[in-house]
N, C-alpha and C. Protein backbone atom coordinates (compact mmCIF):
# COMPACT_ATOMS: atom_id res chain seq x y z
N UNK A 1 -13.69 46.66 -28.02
CA UNK A 1 -12.57 46.02 -28.66
C UNK A 1 -13.08 44.73 -29.29
N UNK A 2 -12.83 44.57 -30.55
CA UNK A 2 -13.21 43.35 -31.23
C UNK A 2 -11.94 42.63 -31.67
N UNK A 3 -12.05 41.32 -31.73
CA UNK A 3 -10.88 40.58 -32.21
C UNK A 3 -11.05 40.34 -33.70
N UNK A 4 -9.95 40.26 -34.40
CA UNK A 4 -9.98 40.02 -35.83
C UNK A 4 -9.02 38.90 -36.19
N UNK A 5 -9.37 38.19 -37.24
CA UNK A 5 -8.54 37.07 -37.70
C UNK A 5 -7.13 37.54 -38.02
N UNK A 6 -6.16 36.80 -37.61
CA UNK A 6 -4.76 37.12 -37.87
C UNK A 6 -4.33 36.48 -39.19
N UNK A 7 -3.41 37.11 -39.88
CA UNK A 7 -2.81 36.52 -41.07
C UNK A 7 -1.90 35.37 -40.64
N UNK A 8 -1.55 34.53 -41.59
CA UNK A 8 -0.77 33.33 -41.29
C UNK A 8 0.56 33.64 -40.59
N UNK A 9 1.17 34.76 -40.92
CA UNK A 9 2.48 35.07 -40.32
C UNK A 9 2.38 36.13 -39.23
N UNK A 10 1.20 36.38 -38.69
CA UNK A 10 1.07 37.37 -37.62
C UNK A 10 1.60 36.83 -36.30
N UNK A 11 2.25 37.74 -35.58
CA UNK A 11 2.77 37.41 -34.26
C UNK A 11 2.33 38.49 -33.28
N UNK A 12 2.51 38.20 -32.01
CA UNK A 12 2.30 39.18 -30.95
C UNK A 12 3.61 39.29 -30.18
N UNK A 13 4.02 40.51 -29.93
CA UNK A 13 5.18 40.78 -29.09
C UNK A 13 4.70 41.63 -27.92
N UNK A 14 5.09 41.24 -26.72
CA UNK A 14 4.86 42.05 -25.54
C UNK A 14 6.24 42.41 -25.01
N UNK A 15 6.47 43.71 -24.83
CA UNK A 15 7.76 44.14 -24.30
C UNK A 15 7.54 45.17 -23.21
N UNK A 16 8.58 45.35 -22.41
CA UNK A 16 8.58 46.43 -21.42
C UNK A 16 9.81 47.28 -21.69
N UNK A 17 9.68 48.56 -21.36
CA UNK A 17 10.82 49.46 -21.47
C UNK A 17 10.64 50.55 -20.43
N UNK A 18 11.68 51.33 -20.27
CA UNK A 18 11.65 52.46 -19.34
C UNK A 18 11.76 53.74 -20.14
N UNK A 19 11.07 54.76 -19.67
CA UNK A 19 11.16 56.07 -20.29
C UNK A 19 12.55 56.64 -20.01
N UNK A 20 13.22 57.12 -21.06
CA UNK A 20 14.60 57.59 -20.92
C UNK A 20 14.72 59.10 -20.94
N UNK A 21 13.62 59.81 -21.07
CA UNK A 21 13.68 61.26 -21.15
C UNK A 21 13.60 61.93 -19.79
N UNK A 22 13.47 63.23 -19.82
CA UNK A 22 13.34 64.03 -18.59
C UNK A 22 11.92 63.96 -18.08
N UNK A 23 11.77 64.02 -16.76
CA UNK A 23 10.43 64.01 -16.15
C UNK A 23 9.53 65.08 -16.75
N UNK A 24 10.07 66.26 -16.97
CA UNK A 24 9.28 67.36 -17.49
C UNK A 24 8.80 67.17 -18.91
N UNK A 25 9.41 66.24 -19.63
CA UNK A 25 9.04 65.98 -21.02
C UNK A 25 8.14 64.76 -21.19
N UNK A 26 7.85 64.06 -20.10
CA UNK A 26 7.14 62.79 -20.21
C UNK A 26 5.80 62.92 -20.93
N UNK A 27 4.94 63.84 -20.50
CA UNK A 27 3.61 63.94 -21.10
C UNK A 27 3.68 64.29 -22.58
N UNK A 28 4.56 65.22 -22.97
CA UNK A 28 4.67 65.56 -24.39
C UNK A 28 5.27 64.41 -25.18
N UNK A 29 6.25 63.71 -24.60
CA UNK A 29 6.82 62.54 -25.28
C UNK A 29 5.79 61.42 -25.41
N UNK A 30 5.01 61.20 -24.38
CA UNK A 30 3.97 60.17 -24.44
C UNK A 30 2.96 60.50 -25.53
N UNK A 31 2.54 61.75 -25.61
CA UNK A 31 1.61 62.15 -26.67
C UNK A 31 2.23 61.92 -28.05
N UNK A 32 3.51 62.25 -28.19
CA UNK A 32 4.20 62.05 -29.47
C UNK A 32 4.34 60.56 -29.79
N UNK A 33 4.68 59.75 -28.79
CA UNK A 33 4.79 58.30 -29.00
C UNK A 33 3.47 57.74 -29.48
N UNK A 34 2.39 58.13 -28.83
CA UNK A 34 1.07 57.62 -29.20
C UNK A 34 0.69 58.08 -30.60
N UNK A 35 0.89 59.35 -30.91
CA UNK A 35 0.56 59.89 -32.23
C UNK A 35 1.39 59.19 -33.33
N UNK A 36 2.69 59.06 -33.09
CA UNK A 36 3.56 58.39 -34.07
C UNK A 36 3.18 56.93 -34.25
N UNK A 37 2.82 56.26 -33.15
CA UNK A 37 2.43 54.85 -33.23
C UNK A 37 1.15 54.69 -34.05
N UNK A 38 0.18 55.56 -33.83
CA UNK A 38 -1.07 55.47 -34.60
C UNK A 38 -0.79 55.63 -36.08
N UNK A 39 0.02 56.63 -36.44
CA UNK A 39 0.34 56.86 -37.86
C UNK A 39 1.12 55.69 -38.46
N UNK A 40 2.19 55.29 -37.80
CA UNK A 40 3.04 54.22 -38.32
C UNK A 40 2.30 52.89 -38.35
N UNK A 41 1.64 52.56 -37.26
CA UNK A 41 0.98 51.27 -37.16
C UNK A 41 -0.16 51.12 -38.16
N UNK A 42 -0.91 52.19 -38.38
CA UNK A 42 -1.99 52.15 -39.37
C UNK A 42 -1.42 51.83 -40.75
N UNK A 43 -0.33 52.47 -41.10
CA UNK A 43 0.29 52.26 -42.41
C UNK A 43 0.89 50.87 -42.55
N UNK A 44 1.33 50.26 -41.44
CA UNK A 44 2.02 48.96 -41.48
C UNK A 44 1.14 47.79 -41.04
N UNK A 45 -0.15 48.03 -40.81
CA UNK A 45 -1.08 47.01 -40.34
C UNK A 45 -0.61 46.38 -39.03
N UNK A 46 -0.19 47.25 -38.11
CA UNK A 46 0.22 46.83 -36.77
C UNK A 46 -0.83 47.33 -35.80
N UNK A 47 -1.22 46.49 -34.86
CA UNK A 47 -2.21 46.86 -33.86
C UNK A 47 -1.61 46.64 -32.48
N UNK A 48 -2.22 47.27 -31.46
CA UNK A 48 -1.70 47.04 -30.12
C UNK A 48 -2.22 47.99 -29.07
N UNK A 49 -1.62 47.84 -27.90
CA UNK A 49 -1.98 48.64 -26.74
C UNK A 49 -0.71 48.96 -25.96
N UNK A 50 -0.67 50.17 -25.40
CA UNK A 50 0.47 50.63 -24.61
C UNK A 50 -0.02 50.93 -23.20
N UNK A 51 0.60 50.29 -22.22
CA UNK A 51 0.31 50.55 -20.81
C UNK A 51 1.52 51.25 -20.23
N UNK A 52 1.29 52.25 -19.39
CA UNK A 52 2.43 52.90 -18.75
C UNK A 52 2.10 53.23 -17.31
N UNK A 53 3.15 53.15 -16.50
CA UNK A 53 3.03 53.41 -15.06
C UNK A 53 4.39 53.87 -14.55
N UNK A 54 4.43 55.06 -13.96
CA UNK A 54 5.66 55.58 -13.38
C UNK A 54 6.86 55.44 -14.32
N UNK A 55 6.67 55.86 -15.56
CA UNK A 55 7.72 55.89 -16.58
C UNK A 55 8.18 54.50 -17.04
N UNK A 56 7.37 53.49 -16.80
CA UNK A 56 7.63 52.15 -17.33
C UNK A 56 6.52 51.82 -18.32
N UNK A 57 6.90 51.34 -19.49
CA UNK A 57 5.95 50.96 -20.53
C UNK A 57 5.85 49.45 -20.62
N UNK A 58 4.65 48.95 -20.86
CA UNK A 58 4.42 47.58 -21.31
C UNK A 58 3.55 47.72 -22.54
N UNK A 59 4.04 47.18 -23.65
CA UNK A 59 3.31 47.33 -24.90
C UNK A 59 3.06 45.97 -25.53
N UNK A 60 1.85 45.79 -26.04
CA UNK A 60 1.46 44.61 -26.79
C UNK A 60 1.35 45.05 -28.25
N UNK A 61 2.07 44.36 -29.13
CA UNK A 61 2.06 44.66 -30.55
C UNK A 61 1.65 43.43 -31.33
N UNK A 62 0.85 43.63 -32.38
CA UNK A 62 0.42 42.53 -33.26
C UNK A 62 0.69 42.94 -34.70
N UNK A 63 1.19 42.02 -35.48
CA UNK A 63 1.43 42.30 -36.89
C UNK A 63 2.27 41.20 -37.51
N UNK A 64 2.73 41.46 -38.72
CA UNK A 64 3.56 40.47 -39.41
C UNK A 64 4.92 40.39 -38.72
N UNK A 65 5.57 39.27 -38.88
CA UNK A 65 6.90 39.08 -38.31
C UNK A 65 7.85 40.17 -38.80
N UNK A 66 7.85 40.42 -40.11
CA UNK A 66 8.75 41.44 -40.67
C UNK A 66 8.41 42.83 -40.15
N UNK A 67 7.13 43.16 -40.10
CA UNK A 67 6.71 44.48 -39.64
C UNK A 67 7.09 44.74 -38.19
N UNK A 68 6.90 43.73 -37.35
CA UNK A 68 7.23 43.91 -35.93
C UNK A 68 8.73 43.89 -35.69
N UNK A 69 9.46 43.14 -36.50
CA UNK A 69 10.93 43.15 -36.38
C UNK A 69 11.46 44.55 -36.70
N UNK A 70 10.94 45.15 -37.77
CA UNK A 70 11.36 46.51 -38.12
C UNK A 70 10.97 47.50 -37.02
N UNK A 71 9.77 47.37 -36.47
CA UNK A 71 9.32 48.27 -35.42
C UNK A 71 10.17 48.11 -34.16
N UNK A 72 10.47 46.88 -33.77
CA UNK A 72 11.30 46.67 -32.57
C UNK A 72 12.69 47.27 -32.77
N UNK A 73 13.25 47.14 -33.97
CA UNK A 73 14.55 47.77 -34.24
C UNK A 73 14.45 49.29 -34.12
N UNK A 74 13.36 49.87 -34.61
CA UNK A 74 13.14 51.31 -34.50
C UNK A 74 13.01 51.71 -33.03
N UNK A 75 12.28 50.93 -32.24
CA UNK A 75 12.10 51.25 -30.82
C UNK A 75 13.43 51.18 -30.06
N UNK A 76 14.27 50.21 -30.42
CA UNK A 76 15.58 50.09 -29.75
C UNK A 76 16.47 51.31 -30.00
N UNK A 77 16.22 52.03 -31.09
CA UNK A 77 16.99 53.23 -31.41
C UNK A 77 16.32 54.50 -30.91
N UNK A 78 15.10 54.39 -30.42
CA UNK A 78 14.32 55.55 -29.98
C UNK A 78 14.90 56.08 -28.67
N UNK A 79 15.27 57.33 -28.62
CA UNK A 79 15.89 57.95 -27.44
C UNK A 79 14.96 57.98 -26.24
N UNK A 80 13.66 57.76 -26.45
CA UNK A 80 12.69 57.82 -25.34
C UNK A 80 12.55 56.48 -24.61
N UNK A 81 13.15 55.43 -25.16
CA UNK A 81 13.06 54.09 -24.56
C UNK A 81 14.45 53.62 -24.15
N UNK A 82 14.51 52.90 -23.03
CA UNK A 82 15.75 52.23 -22.64
C UNK A 82 15.36 50.92 -21.95
N UNK A 83 16.32 50.03 -21.86
CA UNK A 83 16.12 48.73 -21.20
C UNK A 83 14.92 47.98 -21.75
N UNK A 84 14.85 47.88 -23.07
CA UNK A 84 13.75 47.15 -23.70
C UNK A 84 13.95 45.66 -23.45
N UNK A 85 12.90 45.02 -22.97
CA UNK A 85 12.93 43.59 -22.69
C UNK A 85 11.68 42.94 -23.30
N UNK A 86 11.89 42.00 -24.21
CA UNK A 86 10.76 41.28 -24.81
C UNK A 86 10.29 40.24 -23.80
N UNK A 87 9.01 40.32 -23.43
CA UNK A 87 8.43 39.41 -22.45
C UNK A 87 7.78 38.21 -23.12
N UNK A 88 7.12 38.44 -24.24
CA UNK A 88 6.44 37.39 -24.99
C UNK A 88 6.63 37.64 -26.47
N UNK A 89 6.72 36.56 -27.23
CA UNK A 89 6.88 36.67 -28.68
C UNK A 89 6.36 35.36 -29.26
N UNK A 90 5.27 35.40 -30.01
CA UNK A 90 4.75 34.16 -30.56
C UNK A 90 3.65 34.39 -31.58
N UNK A 91 3.34 33.34 -32.30
CA UNK A 91 2.29 33.39 -33.32
C UNK A 91 0.93 33.53 -32.66
N UNK A 92 0.02 34.19 -33.38
CA UNK A 92 -1.35 34.35 -32.89
C UNK A 92 -2.34 33.84 -33.94
N UNK A 93 -3.49 33.42 -33.46
CA UNK A 93 -4.58 33.00 -34.35
C UNK A 93 -5.54 34.14 -34.63
N UNK A 94 -5.70 35.01 -33.63
CA UNK A 94 -6.66 36.11 -33.70
C UNK A 94 -5.97 37.35 -33.15
N UNK A 95 -6.19 38.48 -33.79
CA UNK A 95 -5.67 39.74 -33.25
C UNK A 95 -6.57 40.20 -32.11
N UNK A 96 -5.95 40.49 -31.01
CA UNK A 96 -6.69 40.96 -29.84
C UNK A 96 -7.12 42.42 -29.99
N UNK A 97 -6.35 43.20 -30.73
CA UNK A 97 -6.57 44.64 -30.82
C UNK A 97 -6.75 45.10 -32.26
N UNK A 98 -7.50 44.34 -33.03
CA UNK A 98 -7.62 44.61 -34.46
C UNK A 98 -8.19 45.98 -34.76
N UNK A 99 -8.93 46.57 -33.84
CA UNK A 99 -9.51 47.89 -34.06
C UNK A 99 -8.63 49.03 -33.54
N UNK A 100 -7.50 48.70 -32.95
CA UNK A 100 -6.64 49.72 -32.34
C UNK A 100 -5.28 49.73 -33.03
N UNK A 101 -4.99 50.77 -33.81
CA UNK A 101 -3.63 50.90 -34.31
C UNK A 101 -2.70 51.18 -33.13
N UNK A 102 -3.24 51.83 -32.10
CA UNK A 102 -2.57 51.96 -30.81
C UNK A 102 -3.55 52.61 -29.85
N UNK A 103 -3.58 52.08 -28.66
CA UNK A 103 -4.39 52.66 -27.59
C UNK A 103 -3.51 52.67 -26.35
N UNK A 104 -3.50 53.76 -25.62
CA UNK A 104 -2.65 53.90 -24.45
C UNK A 104 -3.49 53.97 -23.18
N UNK A 105 -3.00 53.31 -22.14
CA UNK A 105 -3.64 53.33 -20.83
C UNK A 105 -2.62 53.78 -19.80
N UNK A 106 -3.00 54.75 -19.00
CA UNK A 106 -2.17 55.25 -17.91
C UNK A 106 -2.58 54.53 -16.64
N UNK A 107 -1.72 53.65 -16.14
CA UNK A 107 -2.06 52.87 -14.94
C UNK A 107 -2.00 53.71 -13.68
N UNK A 108 -1.52 54.95 -13.79
CA UNK A 108 -1.59 55.87 -12.66
C UNK A 108 -2.99 56.46 -12.52
N UNK A 109 -3.77 56.39 -13.58
CA UNK A 109 -5.13 56.92 -13.61
C UNK A 109 -6.09 55.77 -13.31
N UNK A 110 -6.76 55.83 -12.17
CA UNK A 110 -7.62 54.73 -11.74
C UNK A 110 -8.69 54.38 -12.76
N UNK A 111 -9.15 55.34 -13.54
CA UNK A 111 -10.22 55.06 -14.50
C UNK A 111 -9.70 54.52 -15.82
N UNK A 112 -8.38 54.53 -16.00
CA UNK A 112 -7.80 54.16 -17.29
C UNK A 112 -7.92 52.66 -17.59
N UNK A 113 -7.58 51.82 -16.64
CA UNK A 113 -7.61 50.37 -16.87
C UNK A 113 -8.41 49.72 -15.77
N UNK A 114 -9.66 49.45 -16.04
CA UNK A 114 -10.54 48.85 -15.05
C UNK A 114 -10.44 47.33 -15.12
N UNK A 115 -10.97 46.67 -14.12
CA UNK A 115 -10.97 45.21 -14.13
C UNK A 115 -11.75 44.64 -15.32
N UNK A 116 -12.88 45.23 -15.74
CA UNK A 116 -13.54 44.71 -16.95
C UNK A 116 -12.65 44.80 -18.20
N UNK A 117 -11.89 45.89 -18.33
CA UNK A 117 -10.98 45.98 -19.48
C UNK A 117 -9.88 44.94 -19.36
N UNK A 118 -9.34 44.74 -18.15
CA UNK A 118 -8.33 43.70 -17.95
C UNK A 118 -8.89 42.33 -18.32
N UNK A 119 -10.12 42.04 -17.91
CA UNK A 119 -10.74 40.75 -18.24
C UNK A 119 -10.91 40.62 -19.75
N UNK A 120 -11.33 41.69 -20.40
CA UNK A 120 -11.50 41.67 -21.84
C UNK A 120 -10.15 41.45 -22.54
N UNK A 121 -9.11 42.12 -22.07
CA UNK A 121 -7.78 41.92 -22.63
C UNK A 121 -7.33 40.47 -22.46
N UNK A 122 -7.55 39.94 -21.26
CA UNK A 122 -7.14 38.57 -20.97
C UNK A 122 -7.91 37.56 -21.82
N UNK A 123 -9.23 37.74 -21.92
CA UNK A 123 -10.04 36.81 -22.72
C UNK A 123 -9.63 36.83 -24.18
N UNK A 124 -9.40 38.03 -24.70
CA UNK A 124 -9.00 38.13 -26.10
C UNK A 124 -7.61 37.54 -26.30
N UNK A 125 -6.71 37.81 -25.35
CA UNK A 125 -5.36 37.25 -25.42
C UNK A 125 -5.42 35.73 -25.42
N UNK A 126 -6.25 35.15 -24.56
CA UNK A 126 -6.38 33.70 -24.47
C UNK A 126 -6.82 33.10 -25.81
N UNK A 127 -7.75 33.77 -26.48
CA UNK A 127 -8.24 33.27 -27.77
C UNK A 127 -7.19 33.44 -28.87
N UNK A 128 -6.33 34.46 -28.75
CA UNK A 128 -5.46 34.78 -29.87
C UNK A 128 -4.12 34.08 -29.84
N UNK A 129 -3.59 33.78 -28.67
CA UNK A 129 -2.24 33.24 -28.60
C UNK A 129 -2.26 31.74 -28.75
N UNK A 130 -1.44 31.21 -29.62
CA UNK A 130 -1.45 29.78 -29.89
C UNK A 130 -0.26 29.08 -29.26
N UNK A 131 0.17 29.56 -28.11
CA UNK A 131 1.29 28.92 -27.43
C UNK A 131 0.80 28.27 -26.14
N UNK A 132 1.71 27.80 -25.36
CA UNK A 132 1.39 27.07 -24.14
C UNK A 132 0.65 27.94 -23.13
N UNK A 133 -0.05 27.28 -22.23
CA UNK A 133 -0.77 27.97 -21.15
C UNK A 133 0.18 28.81 -20.31
N UNK A 134 1.45 28.42 -20.23
CA UNK A 134 2.40 29.19 -19.45
C UNK A 134 2.58 30.61 -20.01
N UNK A 135 2.41 30.77 -21.34
CA UNK A 135 2.50 32.09 -21.93
C UNK A 135 1.37 32.97 -21.43
N UNK A 136 0.17 32.41 -21.36
CA UNK A 136 -0.97 33.16 -20.82
C UNK A 136 -0.71 33.54 -19.37
N UNK A 137 -0.11 32.63 -18.62
CA UNK A 137 0.20 32.92 -17.22
C UNK A 137 1.21 34.07 -17.12
N UNK A 138 2.20 34.09 -18.01
CA UNK A 138 3.16 35.18 -18.02
C UNK A 138 2.46 36.51 -18.28
N UNK A 139 1.56 36.51 -19.26
CA UNK A 139 0.82 37.72 -19.59
C UNK A 139 0.01 38.19 -18.39
N UNK A 140 -0.65 37.25 -17.73
CA UNK A 140 -1.42 37.58 -16.53
C UNK A 140 -0.52 38.22 -15.47
N UNK A 141 0.65 37.65 -15.26
CA UNK A 141 1.56 38.18 -14.25
C UNK A 141 1.98 39.61 -14.60
N UNK A 142 2.26 39.86 -15.89
CA UNK A 142 2.63 41.20 -16.32
C UNK A 142 1.49 42.17 -16.03
N UNK A 143 0.27 41.79 -16.41
CA UNK A 143 -0.88 42.68 -16.22
C UNK A 143 -1.19 42.87 -14.74
N UNK A 144 -1.21 41.78 -13.98
CA UNK A 144 -1.51 41.89 -12.56
C UNK A 144 -0.43 42.67 -11.82
N UNK A 145 0.81 42.47 -12.24
CA UNK A 145 1.90 43.23 -11.64
C UNK A 145 1.74 44.72 -11.89
N UNK A 146 1.30 45.07 -13.11
CA UNK A 146 1.09 46.48 -13.44
C UNK A 146 -0.03 47.06 -12.59
N UNK A 147 -1.10 46.32 -12.43
CA UNK A 147 -2.22 46.79 -11.60
C UNK A 147 -1.80 46.86 -10.14
N UNK A 148 -1.04 45.88 -9.69
CA UNK A 148 -0.59 45.88 -8.29
C UNK A 148 0.29 47.09 -8.02
N UNK A 149 1.18 47.42 -8.99
CA UNK A 149 2.01 48.61 -8.81
C UNK A 149 1.14 49.85 -8.76
N UNK A 150 0.11 49.86 -9.57
CA UNK A 150 -0.80 51.00 -9.56
C UNK A 150 -1.45 51.15 -8.19
N UNK A 151 -1.84 50.04 -7.62
CA UNK A 151 -2.52 50.05 -6.32
C UNK A 151 -1.54 49.93 -5.15
N UNK A 152 -0.24 49.80 -5.47
CA UNK A 152 0.82 49.64 -4.47
C UNK A 152 0.59 48.43 -3.58
N UNK A 153 0.14 47.33 -4.18
CA UNK A 153 -0.02 46.06 -3.46
C UNK A 153 0.80 45.02 -4.20
N UNK A 154 1.30 44.01 -3.49
CA UNK A 154 2.09 42.97 -4.18
C UNK A 154 1.19 42.15 -5.09
N UNK A 155 1.69 41.75 -6.28
CA UNK A 155 0.88 40.92 -7.16
C UNK A 155 0.67 39.54 -6.58
N UNK A 156 -0.46 38.90 -6.89
CA UNK A 156 -0.67 37.54 -6.39
C UNK A 156 0.34 36.59 -7.00
N UNK A 157 0.68 35.57 -6.25
CA UNK A 157 1.60 34.54 -6.76
C UNK A 157 0.80 33.30 -7.08
N UNK A 158 1.32 32.52 -8.00
CA UNK A 158 0.68 31.26 -8.36
C UNK A 158 -0.65 31.42 -9.05
N UNK A 159 -0.80 32.51 -9.86
CA UNK A 159 -2.06 32.75 -10.56
C UNK A 159 -2.24 31.70 -11.61
């Protein structure tokens, strides 16, 4: 993963949502979500990563304010998502995922998101986000919470 310079109006949005479909359709819906995201995001110069665990999604999106506003409106209407909650929203200096129109990680799969990848995500996030240190702490809590749920251990407090 390489970082790339962000345009002047680029932002990063991190949101969480819940899968709203049937259990039996999850894998096919996830494949469709990923495929559609790659196609749409490539055309709209949107980059990002999708993490999922037990039918809960956490997605990091990077792009222009207008592009991400349109995408978030589309996601709010998507029958596969419910309870969308924006966790972070702010300007960035550098794109963390400039080489990924979309990449998905299954946190149920132990090999999917390793600690080195988490460190790389965190380091890139730290360089790219131009907001307060508390925003980085929020991101850390989201990521550590996802890993803790994967490992069924409580996330650390006061990180």
